Amino acid sequence: MIWEFLGSAALGLALSWAALRSLADRLPSGRAVYPTGALGALFGAFLTHAALDPGHVPATLAGAVSVSAVTLSLLIRPGGRRLTRSAAAQ
């Protein structure tokens, strides 16, 4: 069980690194991205482990990566153009 959680934290950090590398202009600083990815993966591993019982290591790691990807996607800011106020709001 400990190895599942350590592996899921490592996968969450690897996913955070990949996200920062490919979407650096649309994500906040690494100080926010790395803990979010790791904690999302730990929560996903805990949730999947509790739902499936012990002995399903690949499924637990898949759940960890899935939840980590979802939490990292919540940090992505819109790219391209800046959001402006509408004429009615000004």
C-alpha atoms as a PDB file:
ATOM      1  CA  MET A   1       0.000   0.000   0.000  1.00  0.00           C
ATOM      2  CA  ILE A   2       2.838   2.402   0.798  1.00  0.00           C
ATOM      3  CA  TRP A   3       4.364   1.732  -2.631  1.00  0.00           C
ATOM      4  CA  GLU A   4       1.067   2.568  -4.312  1.00  0.00           C
ATOM      5  CA  PHE A   5       0.966   5.952  -2.626  1.00  0.00           C
ATOM      6  CA  LEU A   6       4.638   6.690  -3.254  1.00  0.00           C
ATOM      7  CA  GLY A   7       4.232   5.661  -6.884  1.00  0.00           C
ATOM      8  CA  SER A   8       1.137   7.775  -7.285  1.00  0.00           C
ATOM      9  CA  ALA A   9       2.894  10.810  -5.793  1.00  0.00           C
ATOM     10  CA  ALA A  10       5.780  10.283  -8.222  1.00  0.00           C
ATOM     11  CA  LEU A  11       3.335  10.011 -11.121  1.00  0.00           C
ATOM     12  CA  GLY A  12       1.594  13.196  -9.973  1.00  0.00           C
ATOM     13  CA  LEU A  13       4.913  15.053  -9.867  1.00  0.00           C
ATOM     14  CA  ALA A  14       5.825  13.706 -13.315  1.00  0.00           C
ATOM     15  CA  LEU A  15       2.466  14.825 -14.681  1.00  0.00           C
ATOM     16  CA  SER A  16       2.988  18.259 -13.110  1.00  0.00           C
ATOM     17  CA  TRP A  17       6.419  18.509 -14.700  1.00  0.00           C
ATOM     18  CA  ALA A  18       5.002  17.569 -18.109  1.00  0.00           C
ATOM     19  CA  ALA A  19       2.184  20.082 -17.739  1.00  0.00           C
ATOM     20  CA  LEU A  20       4.582  22.865 -16.765  1.00  0.00           C
ATOM     21  CA  ARG A  21       6.847  21.982 -19.647  1.00  0.00           C
ATOM     22  CA  SER A  22       4.104  22.063 -22.266  1.00  0.00           C
ATOM     23  CA  LEU A  23       1.756  24.723 -20.836  1.00  0.00           C
ATOM     24  CA  ALA A  24       4.122  27.045 -18.958  1.00  0.00           C
ATOM     25  CA  ASP A  25       2.466  30.220 -20.254  1.00  0.00           C
ATOM     26  CA  ARG A  26      -1.015  29.110 -19.154  1.00  0.00           C
ATOM     27  CA  LEU A  27      -0.212  27.717 -15.689  1.00  0.00           C
ATOM     28  CA  PRO A  28       0.734  29.488 -12.457  1.00  0.00           C
ATOM     29  CA  SER A  29       4.200  29.050 -10.986  1.00  0.00           C
ATOM     30  CA  GLY A  30       5.676  25.657 -10.216  1.00  0.00           C
ATOM     31  CA  ARG A  31       5.164  26.334  -6.519  1.00  0.00           C
ATOM     32  CA  ALA A  32       1.434  25.869  -7.114  1.00  0.00           C
ATOM     33  CA  VAL A  33       1.529  23.237  -9.855  1.00  0.00           C
ATOM     34  CA  TYR A  34       3.775  20.592  -8.248  1.00  0.00           C
ATOM     35  CA  PRO A  35       1.844  20.291  -4.957  1.00  0.00           C
ATOM     36  CA  THR A  36      -1.469  20.300  -6.826  1.00  0.00           C
ATOM     37  CA  GLY A  37      -0.393  17.420  -9.044  1.00  0.00           C
ATOM     38  CA  ALA A  38       1.056  15.399  -6.191  1.00  0.00           C
ATOM     39  CA  LEU A  39      -1.875  15.935  -3.832  1.00  0.00           C
ATOM     40  CA  GLY A  40      -4.361  15.217  -6.618  1.00  0.00           C
ATOM     41  CA  ALA A  41      -2.584  11.946  -7.320  1.00  0.00           C
ATOM     42  CA  LEU A  42      -2.533  11.001  -3.646  1.00  0.00           C
ATOM     43  CA  PHE A  43      -6.234  11.723  -3.332  1.00  0.00           C
ATOM     44  CA  GLY A  44      -6.952   9.733  -6.493  1.00  0.00           C
ATOM     45  CA  ALA A  45      -4.927   6.783  -5.191  1.00  0.00           C
ATOM     46  CA  PHE A  46      -6.725   6.912  -1.857  1.00  0.00           C
ATOM     47  CA  LEU A  47     -10.126   7.097  -3.533  1.00  0.00           C
ATOM     48  CA  THR A  48      -9.409   4.280  -5.982  1.00  0.00           C
ATOM     49  CA  HIS A  49      -7.804   2.113  -3.295  1.00  0.00           C
ATOM     50  CA  ALA A  50     -10.846   2.560  -1.055  1.00  0.00           C
ATOM     51  CA  ALA A  51     -13.243   1.737  -3.888  1.00  0.00           C
ATOM     52  CA  LEU A  52     -11.438  -1.333  -5.265  1.00  0.00           C
ATOM     53  CA  ASP A  53      -9.756  -2.821  -2.175  1.00  0.00           C
ATOM     54  CA  PRO A  54      -6.070  -3.817  -2.069  1.00  0.00           C
ATOM     55  CA  GLY A  55      -4.501  -5.769  -4.889  1.00  0.00           C
ATOM     56  CA  HIS A  56      -5.453  -3.549  -7.810  1.00  0.00           C
ATOM     57  CA  VAL A  57      -2.200  -1.631  -8.198  1.00  0.00           C
ATOM     58  CA  PRO A  58      -2.536  -0.703 -11.918  1.00  0.00           C
ATOM     59  CA  ALA A  59      -6.089   0.519 -11.399  1.00  0.00           C
ATOM     60  CA  THR A  60      -5.035   2.507  -8.326  1.00  0.00           C
ATOM     61  CA  LEU A  61      -2.248   4.200 -10.275  1.00  0.00           C
ATOM     62  CA  ALA A  62      -4.620   4.901 -13.171  1.00  0.00           C
ATOM     63  CA  GLY A  63      -7.065   6.515 -10.753  1.00  0.00           C
ATOM     64  CA  ALA A  64      -4.239   8.575  -9.265  1.00  0.00           C
ATOM     65  CA  VAL A  65      -3.144   9.855 -12.676  1.00  0.00           C
ATOM     66  CA  SER A  66      -6.740  10.625 -13.663  1.00  0.00           C
ATOM     67  CA  VAL A  67      -7.514  12.692 -10.573  1.00  0.00           C
ATOM     68  CA  SER A  68      -4.150  14.442 -10.810  1.00  0.00           C
ATOM     69  CA  ALA A  69      -4.829  15.395 -14.431  1.00  0.00           C
ATOM     70  CA  VAL A  70      -8.248  16.750 -13.490  1.00  0.00           C
ATOM     71  CA  THR A  71      -6.880  18.872 -10.642  1.00  0.00           C
ATOM     72  CA  LEU A  72      -4.090  20.197 -12.864  1.00  0.00           C
ATOM     73  CA  SER A  73      -6.601  21.077 -15.557  1.00  0.00           C
ATOM     74  CA  LEU A  74      -8.364  23.325 -13.061  1.00  0.00           C
ATOM     75  CA  LEU A  75      -5.235  25.493 -12.881  1.00  0.00           C
ATOM     76  CA  ILE A  76      -5.075  26.215 -16.625  1.00  0.00           C
ATOM     77  CA  ARG A  77      -5.852  29.804 -17.532  1.00  0.00           C
ATOM     78  CA  PRO A  78      -7.427  30.778 -20.852  1.00  0.00           C
ATOM     79  CA  GLY A  79      -4.853  31.439 -23.538  1.00  0.00           C
ATOM     80  CA  GLY A  80      -4.781  33.793 -26.448  1.00  0.00           C
ATOM     81  CA  ARG A  81      -6.744  36.944 -25.982  1.00  0.00           C
ATOM     82  CA  ARG A  82      -7.389  38.792 -22.766  1.00  0.00           C
ATOM     83  CA  LEU A  83     -10.884  38.864 -21.347  1.00  0.00           C
ATOM     84  CA  THR A  84     -12.392  42.330 -21.530  1.00  0.00           C
ATOM     85  CA  ARG A  85     -15.503  43.874 -20.112  1.00  0.00           C
ATOM     86  CA  SER A  86     -18.554  44.128 -22.284  1.00  0.00           C
ATOM     87  CA  ALA A  87     -19.857  47.523 -23.346  1.00  0.00           C
ATOM     88  CA  ALA A  88     -22.820  47.193 -20.973  1.00  0.00           C
ATOM     89  CA  ALA A  89     -20.555  46.623 -17.964  1.00  0.00           C
ATOM     90  CA  GLN A  90     -18.441  49.725 -18.602  1.00  0.00           C
END
